[in-house]
Amino acid sequence: LEPDVVVRRQEALAAARLRMQEELNAQAERYKERQRQLEEEKRRQKIAMWESMQEGKSYKGNLKLNQQEAESGASASAVPKSKPNKKPLRGGGYNPLSGEGGGTCSWRPGRRGPSAGG
């Protein structure tokens, strides 16, 4: 191989590595910024919860109202679906450890001692 071809290939490889590293650094910086924003939002919610608790209000109710406002703003056209009443798969008396109320399948240990043959 010619030396100038090898040098050009190595320079191109180094440039590609540098580009990839810069892109990775940018992604890491965006991720850190997003994490900072999420931490700040959590901190604000905790402060709001603490203040409402000091005033004697129900802080859980306030959080639910805040979440509902955010959801209604995000999806105003969404229609909630009603769930059909589902019956349980097994009866209330089912206990797999007791051996009662189960199906027809039951496991029993084999006989002890040497096998009968002979």
C-alpha atoms as a PDB file:
ATOM      1  CA  LEU A   1       0.000   0.000   0.000  1.00  0.00           C
ATOM      2  CA  GLU A   2       1.063   3.555  -0.664  1.00  0.00           C
ATOM      3  CA  PRO A   3       1.951   5.618   2.426  1.00  0.00           C
ATOM      4  CA  ASP A   4      -0.141   8.659   1.434  1.00  0.00           C
ATOM      5  CA  VAL A   5      -3.280   6.474   1.101  1.00  0.00           C
ATOM      6  CA  VAL A   6      -2.699   5.048   4.575  1.00  0.00           C
ATOM      7  CA  VAL A   7      -2.165   8.530   6.029  1.00  0.00           C
ATOM      8  CA  ARG A   8      -5.348   9.860   4.389  1.00  0.00           C
ATOM      9  CA  ARG A   9      -7.341   6.876   5.670  1.00  0.00           C
ATOM     10  CA  GLN A  10      -6.042   7.385   9.221  1.00  0.00           C
ATOM     11  CA  GLU A  11      -6.841  11.115   9.097  1.00  0.00           C
ATOM     12  CA  ALA A  12     -10.369  10.374   7.870  1.00  0.00           C
ATOM     13  CA  LEU A  13     -10.804   7.822  10.656  1.00  0.00           C
ATOM     14  CA  ALA A  14      -9.592  10.327  13.261  1.00  0.00           C
ATOM     15  CA  ALA A  15     -11.951  13.001  11.896  1.00  0.00           C
ATOM     16  CA  ALA A  16     -14.895  10.590  12.004  1.00  0.00           C
ATOM     17  CA  ARG A  17     -14.047   9.656  15.603  1.00  0.00           C
ATOM     18  CA  LEU A  18     -13.850  13.323  16.560  1.00  0.00           C
ATOM     19  CA  ARG A  19     -17.248  14.022  14.970  1.00  0.00           C
ATOM     20  CA  MET A  20     -18.816  11.095  16.786  1.00  0.00           C
ATOM     21  CA  GLN A  21     -17.298  12.191  20.099  1.00  0.00           C
ATOM     22  CA  GLU A  22     -18.609  15.740  19.655  1.00  0.00           C
ATOM     23  CA  GLU A  23     -22.066  14.398  18.856  1.00  0.00           C
ATOM     24  CA  LEU A  24     -21.962  12.189  21.943  1.00  0.00           C
ATOM     25  CA  ASN A  25     -20.894  15.141  24.088  1.00  0.00           C
ATOM     26  CA  ALA A  26     -23.784  17.212  22.739  1.00  0.00           C
ATOM     27  CA  GLN A  27     -26.256  14.414  23.509  1.00  0.00           C
ATOM     28  CA  ALA A  28     -24.863  14.122  27.036  1.00  0.00           C
ATOM     29  CA  GLU A  29     -25.223  17.872  27.562  1.00  0.00           C
ATOM     30  CA  ARG A  30     -28.858  17.781  26.371  1.00  0.00           C
ATOM     31  CA  TYR A  31     -29.557  14.858  28.698  1.00  0.00           C
ATOM     32  CA  LYS A  32     -27.995  16.677  31.671  1.00  0.00           C
ATOM     33  CA  GLU A  33     -30.071  19.778  30.932  1.00  0.00           C
ATOM     34  CA  ARG A  34     -33.259  17.727  30.763  1.00  0.00           C
ATOM     35  CA  GLN A  35     -32.407  16.043  34.061  1.00  0.00           C
ATOM     36  CA  ARG A  36     -31.813  19.455  35.635  1.00  0.00           C
ATOM     37  CA  GLN A  37     -35.201  20.630  34.411  1.00  0.00           C
ATOM     38  CA  LEU A  38     -36.927  17.546  35.793  1.00  0.00           C
ATOM     39  CA  GLU A  39     -35.201  17.976  39.167  1.00  0.00           C
ATOM     40  CA  GLU A  40     -36.245  21.630  39.260  1.00  0.00           C
ATOM     41  CA  GLU A  41     -39.854  20.671  38.492  1.00  0.00           C
ATOM     42  CA  LYS A  42     -39.841  18.057  41.260  1.00  0.00           C
ATOM     43  CA  ARG A  43     -38.396  20.615  43.664  1.00  0.00           C
ATOM     44  CA  ARG A  44     -41.124  23.124  42.762  1.00  0.00           C
ATOM     45  CA  GLN A  45     -43.818  20.497  43.322  1.00  0.00           C
ATOM     46  CA  LYS A  46     -42.368  19.621  46.723  1.00  0.00           C
ATOM     47  CA  ILE A  47     -42.267  23.284  47.703  1.00  0.00           C
ATOM     48  CA  ALA A  48     -45.867  23.781  46.573  1.00  0.00           C
ATOM     49  CA  MET A  49     -46.922  20.667  48.472  1.00  0.00           C
ATOM     50  CA  TRP A  50     -45.140  21.848  51.626  1.00  0.00           C
ATOM     51  CA  GLU A  51     -46.676  25.328  51.433  1.00  0.00           C
ATOM     52  CA  SER A  52     -50.176  23.985  50.956  1.00  0.00           C
ATOM     53  CA  MET A  53     -49.638  21.570  53.824  1.00  0.00           C
ATOM     54  CA  GLN A  54     -48.533  24.476  56.050  1.00  0.00           C
ATOM     55  CA  GLU A  55     -51.728  26.337  55.126  1.00  0.00           C
ATOM     56  CA  GLY A  56     -53.744  23.299  56.158  1.00  0.00           C
ATOM     57  CA  LYS A  57     -54.942  22.432  52.685  1.00  0.00           C
ATOM     58  CA  SER A  58     -55.012  18.969  51.204  1.00  0.00           C
ATOM     59  CA  TYR A  59     -51.780  18.842  49.240  1.00  0.00           C
ATOM     60  CA  LYS A  60     -52.681  15.584  47.508  1.00  0.00           C
ATOM     61  CA  GLY A  61     -55.834  17.180  46.170  1.00  0.00           C
ATOM     62  CA  ASN A  62     -53.816  20.099  44.827  1.00  0.00           C
ATOM     63  CA  LEU A  63     -51.411  17.769  43.078  1.00  0.00           C
ATOM     64  CA  LYS A  64     -54.289  15.884  41.481  1.00  0.00           C
ATOM     65  CA  LEU A  65     -55.836  19.155  40.309  1.00  0.00           C
ATOM     66  CA  ASN A  66     -52.504  20.294  38.862  1.00  0.00           C
ATOM     67  CA  GLN A  67     -52.056  16.998  37.048  1.00  0.00           C
ATOM     68  CA  GLN A  68     -55.616  17.122  35.703  1.00  0.00           C
ATOM     69  CA  GLU A  69     -55.068  20.659  34.420  1.00  0.00           C
ATOM     70  CA  ALA A  70     -51.875  19.565  32.681  1.00  0.00           C
ATOM     71  CA  GLU A  71     -53.565  16.529  31.156  1.00  0.00           C
ATOM     72  CA  SER A  72     -56.634  18.478  30.039  1.00  0.00           C
ATOM     73  CA  GLY A  73     -54.407  21.078  28.411  1.00  0.00           C
ATOM     74  CA  ALA A  74     -52.379  18.404  26.641  1.00  0.00           C
ATOM     75  CA  SER A  75     -55.258  16.251  25.404  1.00  0.00           C
ATOM     76  CA  ALA A  76     -58.491  18.235  25.300  1.00  0.00           C
ATOM     77  CA  SER A  77     -60.053  16.129  22.556  1.00  0.00           C
ATOM     78  CA  ALA A  78     -59.346  12.761  24.203  1.00  0.00           C
ATOM     79  CA  VAL A  79     -62.482  10.852  25.182  1.00  0.00           C
ATOM     80  CA  PRO A  80     -62.142   8.562  28.213  1.00  0.00           C
ATOM     81  CA  LYS A  81     -63.102   4.970  27.456  1.00  0.00           C
ATOM     82  CA  SER A  82     -65.347   3.117  29.873  1.00  0.00           C
ATOM     83  CA  LYS A  83     -64.041  -0.245  31.005  1.00  0.00           C
ATOM     84  CA  PRO A  84     -66.470  -3.161  30.921  1.00  0.00           C
ATOM     85  CA  ASN A  85     -67.111  -4.943  34.193  1.00  0.00           C
ATOM     86  CA  LYS A  86     -64.824  -7.952  34.217  1.00  0.00           C
ATOM     87  CA  LYS A  87     -65.420 -10.961  36.409  1.00  0.00           C
ATOM     88  CA  PRO A  88     -62.431 -12.483  38.192  1.00  0.00           C
ATOM     89  CA  LEU A  89     -60.713 -15.433  36.575  1.00  0.00           C
ATOM     90  CA  ARG A  90     -61.031 -17.638  39.653  1.00  0.00           C
ATOM     91  CA  GLY A  91     -63.469 -17.785  42.518  1.00  0.00           C
ATOM     92  CA  GLY A  92     -62.736 -15.997  45.749  1.00  0.00           C
ATOM     93  CA  GLY A  93     -61.987 -19.244  47.565  1.00  0.00           C
ATOM     94  CA  TYR A  94     -59.075 -20.217  45.328  1.00  0.00           C
ATOM     95  CA  ASN A  95     -55.864 -20.883  47.218  1.00  0.00           C
ATOM     96  CA  PRO A  96     -53.120 -22.764  45.354  1.00  0.00           C
ATOM     97  CA  LEU A  97     -51.394 -23.748  48.593  1.00  0.00           C
ATOM     98  CA  SER A  98     -54.372 -25.404  50.222  1.00  0.00           C
ATOM     99  CA  GLY A  99     -55.197 -27.721  47.343  1.00  0.00           C
ATOM    100  CA  GLU A 100     -58.861 -26.795  47.530  1.00  0.00           C
ATOM    101  CA  GLY A 101     -60.835 -24.883  44.970  1.00  0.00           C
ATOM    102  CA  GLY A 102     -58.336 -25.559  42.226  1.00  0.00           C
ATOM    103  CA  GLY A 103     -58.779 -27.394  38.983  1.00  0.00           C
ATOM    104  CA  THR A 104     -58.639 -31.104  38.339  1.00  0.00           C
ATOM    105  CA  CYS A 105     -54.873 -31.158  38.151  1.00  0.00           C
ATOM    106  CA  SER A 106     -53.205 -32.132  41.412  1.00  0.00           C
ATOM    107  CA  TRP A 107     -49.658 -33.293  41.968  1.00  0.00           C
ATOM    108  CA  ARG A 108     -48.923 -36.135  44.358  1.00  0.00           C
ATOM    109  CA  PRO A 109     -45.492 -37.417  45.288  1.00  0.00           C
ATOM    110  CA  GLY A 110     -44.452 -40.867  44.174  1.00  0.00           C
ATOM    111  CA  ARG A 111     -44.047 -43.847  46.487  1.00  0.00           C
ATOM    112  CA  ARG A 112     -40.957 -44.005  48.626  1.00  0.00           C
ATOM    113  CA  GLY A 113     -38.501 -46.816  48.555  1.00  0.00           C
ATOM    114  CA  PRO A 114     -36.980 -48.913  45.827  1.00  0.00           C
ATOM    115  CA  SER A 115     -38.872 -49.483  42.673  1.00  0.00           C
ATOM    116  CA  ALA A 116     -41.044 -52.582  42.638  1.00  0.00           C
ATOM    117  CA  GLY A 117     -39.661 -54.896  40.052  1.00  0.00           C
ATOM    118  CA  GLY A 118     -38.261 -58.229  40.283  1.00  0.00           C
END
